[in-house]
PDB file of N, CA and C in Angstrom:
ATOM      1  N   MET A   1     152.533  -1.014 -28.548  1.00  0.00           N
ATOM      2  CA  MET A   1     151.203  -1.573 -28.564  1.00  0.00           C
ATOM      3  C   MET A   1     151.188  -3.045 -28.920  1.00  0.00           C
ATOM      4  N   PRO A   2     152.202  -3.766 -28.521  1.00  0.00           N
ATOM      5  CA  PRO A   2     152.164  -5.198 -28.848  1.00  0.00           C
ATOM      6  C   PRO A   2     150.918  -5.872 -28.287  1.00  0.00           C
ATOM      7  N   LEU A   3     150.411  -6.806 -29.065  1.00  0.00           N
ATOM      8  CA  LEU A   3     149.270  -7.621 -28.650  1.00  0.00           C
ATOM      9  C   LEU A   3     149.634  -9.075 -28.864  1.00  0.00           C
ATOM     10  N   MET A   4     149.489  -9.883 -27.819  1.00  0.00           N
ATOM     11  CA  MET A   4     149.642 -11.328 -27.974  1.00  0.00           C
ATOM     12  C   MET A   4     148.357 -11.988 -27.513  1.00  0.00           C
ATOM     13  N   ARG A   5     147.736 -12.719 -28.437  1.00  0.00           N
ATOM     14  CA  ARG A   5     146.525 -13.475 -28.145  1.00  0.00           C
ATOM     15  C   ARG A   5     146.901 -14.957 -28.216  1.00  0.00           C
ATOM     16  N   VAL A   6     146.568 -15.687 -27.166  1.00  0.00           N
ATOM     17  CA  VAL A   6     146.811 -17.128 -27.113  1.00  0.00           C
ATOM     18  C   VAL A   6     145.464 -17.822 -26.979  1.00  0.00           C
ATOM     19  N   GLU A   7     145.124 -18.619 -27.973  1.00  0.00           N
ATOM     20  CA  GLU A   7     143.917 -19.442 -27.919  1.00  0.00           C
ATOM     21  C   GLU A   7     144.368 -20.888 -27.789  1.00  0.00           C
ATOM     22  N   THR A   8     143.796 -21.592 -26.825  1.00  0.00           N
ATOM     23  CA  THR A   8     144.196 -22.974 -26.590  1.00  0.00           C
ATOM     24  C   THR A   8     142.987 -23.834 -26.239  1.00  0.00           C
ATOM     25  N   ASN A   9     143.133 -25.115 -26.503  1.00  0.00           N
ATOM     26  CA  ASN A   9     142.075 -26.052 -26.132  1.00  0.00           C
ATOM     27  C   ASN A   9     142.242 -26.549 -24.696  1.00  0.00           C
ATOM     28  N   LEU A  10     143.285 -26.117 -24.012  1.00  0.00           N
ATOM     29  CA  LEU A  10     143.434 -26.456 -22.595  1.00  0.00           C
ATOM     30  C   LEU A  10     142.345 -25.755 -21.787  1.00  0.00           C
ATOM     31  N   GLU A  11     141.898 -26.399 -20.736  1.00  0.00           N
ATOM     32  CA  GLU A  11     140.923 -25.800 -19.819  1.00  0.00           C
ATOM     33  C   GLU A  11     141.689 -25.165 -18.659  1.00  0.00           C
ATOM     34  N   LEU A  12     141.627 -23.854 -18.564  1.00  0.00           N
ATOM     35  CA  LEU A  12     142.263 -23.145 -17.463  1.00  0.00           C
ATOM     36  C   LEU A  12     141.185 -22.470 -16.620  1.00  0.00           C
ATOM     37  N   THR A  13     141.448 -22.342 -15.344  1.00  0.00           N
ATOM     38  CA  THR A  13     140.539 -21.580 -14.488  1.00  0.00           C
ATOM     39  C   THR A  13     140.741 -20.090 -14.773  1.00  0.00           C
ATOM     40  N   ALA A  14     139.813 -19.273 -14.319  1.00  0.00           N
ATOM     41  CA  ALA A  14     139.948 -17.824 -14.484  1.00  0.00           C
ATOM     42  C   ALA A  14     141.226 -17.333 -13.812  1.00  0.00           C
ATOM     43  N   GLU A  15     141.545 -17.897 -12.662  1.00  0.00           N
ATOM     44  CA  GLU A  15     142.763 -17.509 -11.948  1.00  0.00           C
ATOM     45  C   GLU A  15     144.008 -17.894 -12.746  1.00  0.00           C
ATOM     46  N   GLN A  16     144.015 -19.084 -13.341  1.00  0.00           N
ATOM     47  CA  GLN A  16     145.148 -19.505 -14.170  1.00  0.00           C
ATOM     48  C   GLN A  16     145.299 -18.606 -15.398  1.00  0.00           C
ATOM     49  N   GLU A  17     144.181 -18.215 -16.006  1.00  0.00           N
ATOM     50  CA  GLU A  17     144.244 -17.308 -17.162  1.00  0.00           C
ATOM     51  C   GLU A  17     144.868 -15.974 -16.761  1.00  0.00           C
ATOM     52  N   LYS A  18     144.484 -15.441 -15.609  1.00  0.00           N
ATOM     53  CA  LYS A  18     145.063 -14.180 -15.126  1.00  0.00           C
ATOM     54  C   LYS A  18     146.563 -14.322 -14.904  1.00  0.00           C
ATOM     55  N   GLU A  19     146.950 -15.437 -14.291  1.00  0.00           N
ATOM     56  CA  GLU A  19     148.368 -15.691 -14.025  1.00  0.00           C
ATOM     57  C   GLU A  19     149.157 -15.767 -15.330  1.00  0.00           C
ATOM     58  N   LYS A  20     148.640 -16.509 -16.305  1.00  0.00           N
ATOM     59  CA  LYS A  20     149.337 -16.657 -17.592  1.00  0.00           C
ATOM     60  C   LYS A  20     149.367 -15.330 -18.337  1.00  0.00           C
ATOM     61  N   ASN A  21     148.289 -14.551 -18.258  1.00  0.00           N
ATOM     62  CA  ASN A  21     148.276 -13.230 -18.886  1.00  0.00           C
ATOM     63  C   ASN A  21     149.422 -12.371 -18.376  1.00  0.00           C
ATOM     64  N   ALA A  22     149.617 -12.357 -17.074  1.00  0.00           N
ATOM     65  CA  ALA A  22     150.686 -11.558 -16.483  1.00  0.00           C
ATOM     66  C   ALA A  22     152.055 -12.045 -16.951  1.00  0.00           C
ATOM     67  N   ILE A  23     152.240 -13.349 -16.966  1.00  0.00           N
ATOM     68  CA  ILE A  23     153.517 -13.924 -17.408  1.00  0.00           C
ATOM     69  C   ILE A  23     153.761 -13.605 -18.878  1.00  0.00           C
ATOM     70  N   PHE A  24     152.745 -13.784 -19.712  1.00  0.00           N
ATOM     71  CA  PHE A  24     152.895 -13.544 -21.149  1.00  0.00           C
ATOM     72  C   PHE A  24     153.138 -12.064 -21.442  1.00  0.00           C
ATOM     73  N   SER A  25     152.477 -11.184 -20.711  1.00  0.00           N
ATOM     74  CA  SER A  25     152.663  -9.750 -20.906  1.00  0.00           C
ATOM     75  C   SER A  25     154.113  -9.348 -20.659  1.00  0.00           C
ATOM     76  N   THR A  26     154.664  -9.805 -19.555  1.00  0.00           N
ATOM     77  CA  THR A  26     156.060  -9.510 -19.231  1.00  0.00           C
ATOM     78  C   THR A  26     156.992 -10.099 -20.277  1.00  0.00           C
ATOM     79  N   ALA A  27     156.720 -11.325 -20.703  1.00  0.00           N
ATOM     80  CA  ALA A  27     157.568 -11.989 -21.698  1.00  0.00           C
ATOM     81  C   ALA A  27     157.554 -11.248 -23.029  1.00  0.00           C
ATOM     82  N   VAL A  28     156.375 -10.805 -23.478  1.00  0.00           N
ATOM     83  CA  VAL A  28     156.277 -10.080 -24.751  1.00  0.00           C
ATOM     84  C   VAL A  28     157.050  -8.764 -24.674  1.00  0.00           C
ATOM     85  N   ALA A  29     156.920  -8.053 -23.573  1.00  0.00           N
ATOM     86  CA  ALA A  29     157.668  -6.803 -23.403  1.00  0.00           C
ATOM     87  C   ALA A  29     159.168  -7.061 -23.520  1.00  0.00           C
ATOM     88  N   GLU A  30     159.634  -8.125 -22.893  1.00  0.00           N
ATOM     89  CA  GLU A  30     161.056  -8.461 -22.954  1.00  0.00           C
ATOM     90  C   GLU A  30     161.464  -8.885 -24.361  1.00  0.00           C
ATOM     91  N   MET A  31     160.661  -9.741 -24.998  1.00  0.00           N
ATOM     92  CA  MET A  31     160.985 -10.225 -26.343  1.00  0.00           C
ATOM     93  C   MET A  31     161.090  -9.084 -27.346  1.00  0.00           C
ATOM     94  N   LEU A  32     160.156  -8.136 -27.259  1.00  0.00           N
ATOM     95  CA  LEU A  32     160.091  -7.051 -28.240  1.00  0.00           C
ATOM     96  C   LEU A  32     160.821  -5.793 -27.780  1.00  0.00           C
ATOM     97  N   GLN A  33     161.357  -5.841 -26.569  1.00  0.00           N
ATOM     98  CA  GLN A  33     162.066  -4.705 -25.979  1.00  0.00           C
ATOM     99  C   GLN A  33     161.191  -3.445 -26.003  1.00  0.00           C
ATOM    100  N   LYS A  34     159.964  -3.620 -25.516  1.00  0.00           N
ATOM    101  CA  LYS A  34     159.016  -2.507 -25.414  1.00  0.00           C
ATOM    102  C   LYS A  34     158.541  -2.418 -23.967  1.00  0.00           C
ATOM    103  N   GLU A  35     158.086  -1.235 -23.588  1.00  0.00           N
ATOM    104  CA  GLU A  35     157.578  -1.061 -22.232  1.00  0.00           C
ATOM    105  C   GLU A  35     156.309  -1.884 -22.046  1.00  0.00           C
ATOM    106  N   GLU A  36     156.235  -2.580 -20.915  1.00  0.00           N
ATOM    107  CA  GLU A  36     155.081  -3.444 -20.672  1.00  0.00           C
ATOM    108  C   GLU A  36     153.774  -2.655 -20.586  1.00  0.00           C
ATOM    109  N   LYS A  37     153.840  -1.376 -20.266  1.00  0.00           N
ATOM    110  CA  LYS A  37     152.608  -0.589 -20.163  1.00  0.00           C
ATOM    111  C   LYS A  37     151.853  -0.529 -21.491  1.00  0.00           C
ATOM    112  N   TRP A  38     152.514  -0.858 -22.603  1.00  0.00           N
ATOM    113  CA  TRP A  38     151.873  -0.853 -23.919  1.00  0.00           C
ATOM    114  C   TRP A  38     151.431  -2.237 -24.372  1.00  0.00           C
ATOM    115  N   VAL A  39     151.766  -3.275 -23.637  1.00  0.00           N
ATOM    116  CA  VAL A  39     151.487  -4.657 -24.049  1.00  0.00           C
ATOM    117  C   VAL A  39     150.072  -5.065 -23.642  1.00  0.00           C
ATOM    118  N   MET A  40     149.366  -5.705 -24.575  1.00  0.00           N
ATOM    119  CA  MET A  40     148.077  -6.323 -24.267  1.00  0.00           C
ATOM    120  C   MET A  40     148.241  -7.821 -24.475  1.00  0.00           C
ATOM    121  N   SER A  41     147.802  -8.588 -23.498  1.00  0.00           N
ATOM    122  CA  SER A  41     147.884 -10.046 -23.560  1.00  0.00           C
ATOM    123  C   SER A  41     146.499 -10.624 -23.327  1.00  0.00           C
ATOM    124  N   LEU A  42     146.114 -11.566 -24.173  1.00  0.00           N
ATOM    125  CA  LEU A  42     144.823 -12.237 -24.026  1.00  0.00           C
ATOM    126  C   LEU A  42     145.058 -13.737 -24.012  1.00  0.00           C
ATOM    127  N   VAL A  43     144.492 -14.407 -23.042  1.00  0.00           N
ATOM    128  CA  VAL A  43     144.530 -15.865 -22.991  1.00  0.00           C
ATOM    129  C   VAL A  43     143.091 -16.352 -23.062  1.00  0.00           C
ATOM    130  N   GLU A  44     142.813 -17.149 -24.076  1.00  0.00           N
ATOM    131  CA  GLU A  44     141.478 -17.713 -24.261  1.00  0.00           C
ATOM    132  C   GLU A  44     141.604 -19.228 -24.203  1.00  0.00           C
ATOM    133  N   SER A  45     141.217 -19.801 -23.083  1.00  0.00           N
ATOM    134  CA  SER A  45     141.336 -21.250 -22.904  1.00  0.00           C
ATOM    135  C   SER A  45     140.002 -21.924 -23.170  1.00  0.00           C
ATOM    136  N   GLY A  46     140.046 -23.245 -23.238  1.00  0.00           N
ATOM    137  CA  GLY A  46     138.827 -24.017 -23.430  1.00  0.00           C
ATOM    138  C   GLY A  46     138.229 -23.877 -24.817  1.00  0.00           C
ATOM    139  N   ARG A  47     139.055 -23.496 -25.787  1.00  0.00           N
ATOM    140  CA  ARG A  47     138.572 -23.316 -27.154  1.00  0.00           C
ATOM    141  C   ARG A  47     138.407 -24.672 -27.833  1.00  0.00           C
ATOM    142  N   THR A  48     137.489 -24.748 -28.771  1.00  0.00           N
ATOM    143  CA  THR A  48     137.347 -25.948 -29.591  1.00  0.00           C
ATOM    144  C   THR A  48     138.395 -25.840 -30.685  1.00  0.00           C
ATOM    145  N   LEU A  49     139.466 -26.595 -30.547  1.00  0.00           N
ATOM    146  CA  LEU A  49     140.619 -26.450 -31.422  1.00  0.00           C
ATOM    147  C   LEU A  49     141.226 -27.822 -31.673  1.00  0.00           C
ATOM    148  N   SER A  50     141.481 -28.122 -32.915  1.00  0.00           N
ATOM    149  CA  SER A  50     142.212 -29.345 -33.238  1.00  0.00           C
ATOM    150  C   SER A  50     143.406 -28.972 -34.096  1.00  0.00           C
ATOM    151  N   PHE A  51     144.418 -29.803 -34.052  1.00  0.00           N
ATOM    152  CA  PHE A  51     145.635 -29.575 -34.832  1.00  0.00           C
ATOM    153  C   PHE A  51     146.045 -30.924 -35.397  1.00  0.00           C
ATOM    154  N   GLY A  52     146.148 -31.013 -36.701  1.00  0.00           N
ATOM    155  CA  GLY A  52     146.524 -32.282 -37.328  1.00  0.00           C
ATOM    156  C   GLY A  52     145.517 -33.386 -37.074  1.00  0.00           C
ATOM    157  N   GLY A  53     144.259 -33.015 -36.905  1.00  0.00           N
ATOM    158  CA  GLY A  53     143.212 -34.001 -36.650  1.00  0.00           C
ATOM    159  C   GLY A  53     143.157 -34.496 -35.222  1.00  0.00           C
ATOM    160  N   SER A  54     143.965 -33.906 -34.340  1.00  0.00           N
ATOM    161  CA  SER A  54     144.034 -34.327 -32.941  1.00  0.00           C
ATOM    162  C   SER A  54     143.585 -33.192 -32.028  1.00  0.00           C
ATOM    163  N   VAL A  55     142.942 -33.551 -30.926  1.00  0.00           N
ATOM    164  CA  VAL A  55     142.546 -32.552 -29.932  1.00  0.00           C
ATOM    165  C   VAL A  55     143.482 -32.553 -28.717  1.00  0.00           C
ATOM    166  N   GLU A  56     144.668 -33.118 -28.893  1.00  0.00           N
ATOM    167  CA  GLU A  56     145.696 -33.010 -27.847  1.00  0.00           C
ATOM    168  C   GLU A  56     146.003 -31.522 -27.643  1.00  0.00           C
ATOM    169  N   PRO A  57     146.611 -31.151 -26.508  1.00  0.00           N
ATOM    170  CA  PRO A  57     146.881 -29.738 -26.246  1.00  0.00           C
ATOM    171  C   PRO A  57     147.569 -29.048 -27.427  1.00  0.00           C
ATOM    172  N   ALA A  58     147.012 -27.894 -27.795  1.00  0.00           N
ATOM    173  CA  ALA A  58     147.524 -27.109 -28.915  1.00  0.00           C
ATOM    174  C   ALA A  58     147.187 -25.644 -28.670  1.00  0.00           C
ATOM    175  N   ALA A  59     147.802 -24.768 -29.468  1.00  0.00           N
ATOM    176  CA  ALA A  59     147.531 -23.339 -29.322  1.00  0.00           C
ATOM    177  C   ALA A  59     147.688 -22.618 -30.649  1.00  0.00           C
ATOM    178  N   PHE A  60     146.912 -21.549 -30.783  1.00  0.00           N
ATOM    179  CA  PHE A  60     147.078 -20.587 -31.862  1.00  0.00           C
ATOM    180  C   PHE A  60     147.451 -19.272 -31.202  1.00  0.00           C
ATOM    181  N   VAL A  61     148.519 -18.658 -31.695  1.00  0.00           N
ATOM    182  CA  VAL A  61     149.003 -17.407 -31.126  1.00  0.00           C
ATOM    183  C   VAL A  61     149.015 -16.343 -32.213  1.00  0.00           C
ATOM    184  N   GLU A  62     148.548 -15.176 -31.862  1.00  0.00           N
ATOM    185  CA  GLU A  62     148.665 -14.013 -32.740  1.00  0.00           C
ATOM    186  C   GLU A  62     149.552 -13.005 -32.029  1.00  0.00           C
ATOM    187  N   LEU A  63     150.621 -12.588 -32.692  1.00  0.00           N
ATOM    188  CA  LEU A  63     151.495 -11.548 -32.151  1.00  0.00           C
ATOM    189  C   LEU A  63     151.496 -10.386 -33.130  1.00  0.00           C
ATOM    190  N   LYS A  64     151.021  -9.256 -32.649  1.00  0.00           N
ATOM    191  CA  LYS A  64     150.909  -8.059 -33.485  1.00  0.00           C
ATOM    192  C   LYS A  64     151.677  -6.943 -32.797  1.00  0.00           C
ATOM    193  N   SER A  65     152.457  -6.199 -33.593  1.00  0.00           N
ATOM    194  CA  SER A  65     153.196  -5.090 -33.012  1.00  0.00           C
ATOM    195  C   SER A  65     153.587  -4.099 -34.102  1.00  0.00           C
ATOM    196  N   ILE A  66     153.594  -2.832 -33.766  1.00  0.00           N
ATOM    197  CA  ILE A  66     154.084  -1.811 -34.685  1.00  0.00           C
ATOM    198  C   ILE A  66     155.581  -2.031 -34.866  1.00  0.00           C
ATOM    199  N   GLY A  67     156.015  -2.079 -36.110  1.00  0.00           N
ATOM    200  CA  GLY A  67     157.440  -2.223 -36.395  1.00  0.00           C
ATOM    201  C   GLY A  67     157.962  -3.646 -36.381  1.00  0.00           C
ATOM    202  N   LEU A  68     157.084  -4.625 -36.336  1.00  0.00           N
ATOM    203  CA  LEU A  68     157.519  -6.025 -36.344  1.00  0.00           C
ATOM    204  C   LEU A  68     158.124  -6.349 -37.706  1.00  0.00           C
ATOM    205  N   ARG A  69     159.302  -6.931 -37.713  1.00  0.00           N
ATOM    206  CA  ARG A  69     160.015  -7.241 -38.953  1.00  0.00           C
ATOM    207  C   ARG A  69     160.051  -8.744 -39.190  1.00  0.00           C
ATOM    208  N   GLU A  70     160.028  -9.117 -40.458  1.00  0.00           N
ATOM    209  CA  GLU A  70     160.054 -10.535 -40.821  1.00  0.00           C
ATOM    210  C   GLU A  70     161.285 -11.238 -40.258  1.00  0.00           C
ATOM    211  N   THR A  71     162.414 -10.547 -40.212  1.00  0.00           N
ATOM    212  CA  THR A  71     163.643 -11.157 -39.700  1.00  0.00           C
ATOM    213  C   THR A  71     163.551 -11.489 -38.212  1.00  0.00           C
ATOM    214  N   SER A  72     162.614 -10.877 -37.513  1.00  0.00           N
ATOM    215  CA  SER A  72     162.427 -11.152 -36.082  1.00  0.00           C
ATOM    216  C   SER A  72     161.532 -12.354 -35.826  1.00  0.00           C
ATOM    217  N   CYS A  73     160.777 -12.779 -36.835  1.00  0.00           N
ATOM    218  CA  CYS A  73     159.732 -13.780 -36.612  1.00  0.00           C
ATOM    219  C   CYS A  73     160.265 -15.153 -36.201  1.00  0.00           C
ATOM    220  N   ALA A  74     161.315 -15.641 -36.840  1.00  0.00           N
ATOM    221  CA  ALA A  74     161.843 -16.965 -36.475  1.00  0.00           C
ATOM    222  C   ALA A  74     162.356 -16.989 -35.032  1.00  0.00           C
ATOM    223  N   PRO A  75     163.175 -16.001 -34.617  1.00  0.00           N
ATOM    224  CA  PRO A  75     163.595 -16.006 -33.213  1.00  0.00           C
ATOM    225  C   PRO A  75     162.421 -15.852 -32.241  1.00  0.00           C
ATOM    226  N   LEU A  76     161.445 -15.018 -32.601  1.00  0.00           N
ATOM    227  CA  LEU A  76     160.263 -14.855 -31.749  1.00  0.00           C
ATOM    228  C   LEU A  76     159.461 -16.147 -31.670  1.00  0.00           C
ATOM    229  N   SER A  77     159.377 -16.869 -32.782  1.00  0.00           N
ATOM    230  CA  SER A  77     158.668 -18.150 -32.792  1.00  0.00           C
ATOM    231  C   SER A  77     159.296 -19.115 -31.790  1.00  0.00           C
ATOM    232  N   ALA A  78     160.617 -19.179 -31.794  1.00  0.00           N
ATOM    233  CA  ALA A  78     161.318 -20.061 -30.851  1.00  0.00           C
ATOM    234  C   ALA A  78     161.034 -19.648 -29.407  1.00  0.00           C
ATOM    235  N   GLN A  79     161.058 -18.347 -29.140  1.00  0.00           N
ATOM    236  CA  GLN A  79     160.818 -17.858 -27.782  1.00  0.00           C
ATOM    237  C   GLN A  79     159.379 -18.110 -27.336  1.00  0.00           C
ATOM    238  N   ILE A  80     158.436 -17.865 -28.224  1.00  0.00           N
ATOM    239  CA  ILE A  80     157.025 -18.066 -27.879  1.00  0.00           C
ATOM    240  C   ILE A  80     156.734 -19.542 -27.661  1.00  0.00           C
ATOM    241  N   CYS A  81     157.267 -20.395 -28.529  1.00  0.00           N
ATOM    242  CA  CYS A  81     157.051 -21.840 -28.354  1.00  0.00           C
ATOM    243  C   CYS A  81     157.651 -22.330 -27.043  1.00  0.00           C
ATOM    244  N   ALA A  82     158.830 -21.831 -26.693  1.00  0.00           N
ATOM    245  CA  ALA A  82     159.447 -22.212 -25.420  1.00  0.00           C
ATOM    246  C   ALA A  82     158.587 -21.731 -24.248  1.00  0.00           C
ATOM    247  N   LEU A  83     158.050 -20.527 -24.360  1.00  0.00           N
ATOM    248  CA  LEU A  83     157.183 -19.971 -23.317  1.00  0.00           C
ATOM    249  C   LEU A  83     155.929 -20.821 -23.133  1.00  0.00           C
ATOM    250  N   LEU A  84     155.282 -21.191 -24.238  1.00  0.00           N
ATOM    251  CA  LEU A  84     154.063 -22.001 -24.143  1.00  0.00           C
ATOM    252  C   LEU A  84     154.356 -23.404 -23.617  1.00  0.00           C
ATOM    253  N   HIS A  85     155.518 -23.930 -23.970  1.00  0.00           N
ATOM    254  CA  HIS A  85     155.874 -25.254 -23.450  1.00  0.00           C
ATOM    255  C   HIS A  85     156.109 -25.185 -21.945  1.00  0.00           C
ATOM    256  N   ARG A  86     156.833 -24.149 -21.523  1.00  0.00           N
ATOM    257  CA  ARG A  86     157.143 -23.990 -20.098  1.00  0.00           C
ATOM    258  C   ARG A  86     155.882 -23.709 -19.275  1.00  0.00           C
ATOM    259  N   GLU A  87     155.014 -22.827 -19.758  1.00  0.00           N
ATOM    260  CA  GLU A  87     153.863 -22.380 -18.971  1.00  0.00           C
ATOM    261  C   GLU A  87     152.615 -23.237 -19.132  1.00  0.00           C
ATOM    262  N   LEU A  88     152.440 -23.849 -20.323  1.00  0.00           N
ATOM    263  CA  LEU A  88     151.215 -24.610 -20.581  1.00  0.00           C
ATOM    264  C   LEU A  88     151.476 -26.059 -20.974  1.00  0.00           C
ATOM    265  N   ASN A  89     152.748 -26.423 -21.075  1.00  0.00           N
ATOM    266  CA  ASN A  89     153.143 -27.779 -21.471  1.00  0.00           C
ATOM    267  C   ASN A  89     152.595 -28.161 -22.859  1.00  0.00           C
ATOM    268  N   ILE A  90     152.556 -27.178 -23.749  1.00  0.00           N
ATOM    269  CA  ILE A  90     152.142 -27.427 -25.130  1.00  0.00           C
ATOM    270  C   ILE A  90     153.405 -27.566 -25.972  1.00  0.00           C
ATOM    271  N   PRO A  91     153.576 -28.693 -26.663  1.00  0.00           N
ATOM    272  CA  PRO A  91     154.774 -28.882 -27.489  1.00  0.00           C
ATOM    273  C   PRO A  91     154.829 -27.872 -28.639  1.00  0.00           C
ATOM    274  N   ALA A  92     156.037 -27.500 -29.026  1.00  0.00           N
ATOM    275  CA  ALA A  92     156.234 -26.520 -30.095  1.00  0.00           C
ATOM    276  C   ALA A  92     155.587 -26.951 -31.405  1.00  0.00           C
ATOM    277  N   ASP A  93     155.530 -28.256 -31.640  1.00  0.00           N
ATOM    278  CA  ASP A  93     154.946 -28.725 -32.902  1.00  0.00           C
ATOM    279  C   ASP A  93     153.415 -28.775 -32.862  1.00  0.00           C
ATOM    280  N   ARG A  94     152.827 -28.216 -31.792  1.00  0.00           N
ATOM    281  CA  ARG A  94     151.360 -28.117 -31.674  1.00  0.00           C
ATOM    282  C   ARG A  94     150.936 -26.653 -31.547  1.00  0.00           C
ATOM    283  N   VAL A  95     151.787 -25.765 -32.061  1.00  0.00           N
ATOM    284  CA  VAL A  95     151.541 -24.325 -31.966  1.00  0.00           C
ATOM    285  C   VAL A  95     151.682 -23.686 -33.348  1.00  0.00           C
ATOM    286  N   TYR A  96     150.685 -22.914 -33.732  1.00  0.00           N
ATOM    287  CA  TYR A  96     150.792 -22.033 -34.896  1.00  0.00           C
ATOM    288  C   TYR A  96     150.847 -20.607 -34.377  1.00  0.00           C
ATOM    289  N   ILE A  97     151.686 -19.788 -35.014  1.00  0.00           N
ATOM    290  CA  ILE A  97     151.832 -18.387 -34.624  1.00  0.00           C
ATOM    291  C   ILE A  97     151.650 -17.520 -35.865  1.00  0.00           C
ATOM    292  N   GLU A  98     150.788 -16.539 -35.749  1.00  0.00           N
ATOM    293  CA  GLU A  98     150.612 -15.562 -36.826  1.00  0.00           C
ATOM    294  C   GLU A  98     151.235 -14.245 -36.374  1.00  0.00           C
ATOM    295  N   PHE A  99     152.213 -13.783 -37.133  1.00  0.00           N
ATOM    296  CA  PHE A  99     152.885 -12.520 -36.841  1.00  0.00           C
ATOM    297  C   PHE A  99     152.298 -11.429 -37.729  1.00  0.00           C
ATOM    298  N   LYS A 100     152.068 -10.253 -37.149  1.00  0.00           N
ATOM    299  CA  LYS A 100     151.529  -9.130 -37.918  1.00  0.00           C
ATOM    300  C   LYS A 100     152.249  -7.845 -37.538  1.00  0.00           C
ATOM    301  N   ASP A 101     152.715  -7.135 -38.550  1.00  0.00           N
ATOM    302  CA  ASP A 101     153.261  -5.795 -38.354  1.00  0.00           C
ATOM    303  C   ASP A 101     152.086  -4.833 -38.427  1.00  0.00           C
ATOM    304  N   ALA A 102     151.748  -4.203 -37.335  1.00  0.00           N
ATOM    305  CA  ALA A 102     150.599  -3.294 -37.285  1.00  0.00           C
ATOM    306  C   ALA A 102     151.006  -1.914 -37.794  1.00  0.00           C
ATOM    307  N   GLU A 103     150.273  -1.412 -38.763  1.00  0.00           N
ATOM    308  CA  GLU A 103     150.521  -0.058 -39.251  1.00  0.00           C
ATOM    309  C   GLU A 103     149.978   0.936 -38.231  1.00  0.00           C
ATOM    310  N   ARG A 104     150.765   1.949 -37.920  1.00  0.00           N
ATOM    311  CA  ARG A 104     150.410   2.918 -36.878  1.00  0.00           C
ATOM    312  C   ARG A 104     149.025   3.524 -37.063  1.00  0.00           C
ATOM    313  N   GLY A 105     148.705   3.885 -38.285  1.00  0.00           N
ATOM    314  CA  GLY A 105     147.437   4.545 -38.552  1.00  0.00           C
ATOM    315  C   GLY A 105     146.234   3.623 -38.520  1.00  0.00           C
ATOM    316  N   PHE A 106     146.492   2.312 -38.474  1.00  0.00           N
ATOM    317  CA  PHE A 106     145.405   1.333 -38.457  1.00  0.00           C
ATOM    318  C   PHE A 106     145.232   0.681 -37.088  1.00  0.00           C
ATOM    319  N   PHE A 107     145.853   1.270 -36.074  1.00  0.00           N
ATOM    320  CA  PHE A 107     145.714   0.734 -34.723  1.00  0.00           C
ATOM    321  C   PHE A 107     145.303   1.871 -33.804  1.00  0.00           C
ATOM    322  N   GLY A 108     144.116   1.733 -33.207  1.00  0.00           N
ATOM    323  CA  GLY A 108     143.571   2.798 -32.381  1.00  0.00           C
ATOM    324  C   GLY A 108     143.825   2.598 -30.902  1.00  0.00           C
ATOM    325  N   TRP A 109     143.863   3.723 -30.199  1.00  0.00           N
ATOM    326  CA  TRP A 109     144.018   3.730 -28.743  1.00  0.00           C
ATOM    327  C   TRP A 109     143.656   5.121 -28.235  1.00  0.00           C
ATOM    328  N   ASN A 110     142.964   5.182 -27.146  1.00  0.00           N
ATOM    329  CA  ASN A 110     142.689   6.426 -26.435  1.00  0.00           C
ATOM    330  C   ASN A 110     142.024   7.483 -27.326  1.00  0.00           C
ATOM    331  N   GLY A 111     141.115   7.041 -28.180  1.00  0.00           N
ATOM    332  CA  GLY A 111     140.378   7.968 -29.027  1.00  0.00           C
ATOM    333  C   GLY A 111     141.107   8.407 -30.283  1.00  0.00           C
ATOM    334  N   GLY A 112     142.281   7.840 -30.531  1.00  0.00           N
ATOM    335  CA  GLY A 112     143.052   8.184 -31.729  1.00  0.00           C
ATOM    336  C   GLY A 112     143.743   6.953 -32.274  1.00  0.00           C
ATOM    337  N   THR A 113     144.811   7.170 -32.998  1.00  0.00           N
ATOM    338  CA  THR A 113     145.633   6.061 -33.486  1.00  0.00           C
ATOM    339  C   THR A 113     147.077   6.317 -33.069  1.00  0.00           C
ATOM    340  N   PHE A 114     147.953   5.394 -33.402  1.00  0.00           N
ATOM    341  CA  PHE A 114     149.369   5.542 -33.081  1.00  0.00           C
ATOM    342  C   PHE A 114     150.129   6.293 -34.176  1.00  0.00           C
ATOM    343  N   ALA A 115     149.410   6.814 -35.182  1.00  0.00           N
ATOM    344  CA  ALA A 115     150.061   7.544 -36.288  1.00  0.00           C
ATOM    345  C   ALA A 115     150.574   8.887 -35.807  1.00  0.00           C
TER     346      ALA A 115
END
């Protein structure tokens, strides 16, 4: 049930958001070694966002997954920053990432939880 939410101040068309969603979904599945059928990806562009007092391109990313370990966060940060640089041309030093280990019983799906 990995979830990656990308909020950025870049202006993307609806078609570009769909394209990036597909790319990010596949990338998250590969990064976390999980089946893509469980991955949710959200791209929210055109957000009012500043970083360091500047409105140059920037992003906030939330990555949530059951079983996410702290030891995985640094390598995942490098991979996510590289992905955002490649796909959105956002420099790594303009990205914040929040990692969350989702507890099975606190994440719902299909009328139940993953517990």
